Every structure is written in structure tokens, then in C-alpha cells.
Amino acid sequence: MSGLDRMEGVIREALCGLRESPSANSSAAFDRIQRLLSSSGAETHSVDAVYDGVLRQSTELLADDFEALGCCVDLLKRALLRHLPSFAQLGRIDAWCEVTVREHKEASLAAPAA
């Protein structure tokens, strides 16, 4: 198993935990992502790869779970305080947040009232 496969597996495990129980698993998910970022060292491309993996997999795994996505955004904010990505990566994170919020806003407006 390559390093990239292991990284993707850790990210998937962390985000699946958020999906199962967002509030209960947010600290565990953050700890897993934090360890990945710490092991990336100061290499910007390695840090960016972790953030890219989180964005990609959260879109796949959490797209229909607003609470879990909220926890994922919180995880990203906490991680960004400790591990700075490249400026390009910050732009990708910002764009992901904007698209995610817009899509959920549109979905909630389109959903029939209960």
C-alpha cells in the first residue's frame, strides 16, 4: 500500500466517523487529520495533498449530511490554524466552502416544507 493510499484511508476513516456521529466523532476525526498534517512536515505539497484529500472525500462522503459537513468545515478551520497550505490550496478550500454552502442553501430552498 502506497503512502497516498494510506493517507486516503485515514481521511476516509475520519470522515466516515463524522458521518456516523458528527458531534461525537469530530475530535477523533480532527486528531487523525492533524496527525497526517504533522507527518507531512513543512513540505507545502504534502500538506496540500492532505487538504485536497479531505475536500475530495468530504464531497463524496458527506454531501447529503449537513451536520457532518459542518463538522468537516470546523475540522478544516482548526487544521488551518496549525498547518498552513499554499495560497493556491487556500483558494481551493475557500471555493469548496462556497460551493458547498450554496448547494445546501439551494437544496433547502427546493425541498418541500414538512
Foldseek 3Di string as FASTA:
>chain_A
DDPLVVLLVLLLVLLVQCVVPVVVRLVVSLVSLLVQLVVLPQDQVSNLSSLVSNLVVCCVPVLPPVSSVVSSVVSVVVSCVPHPHDPVSVVVVVVSVVVSVVVVVVVVVPDDDD
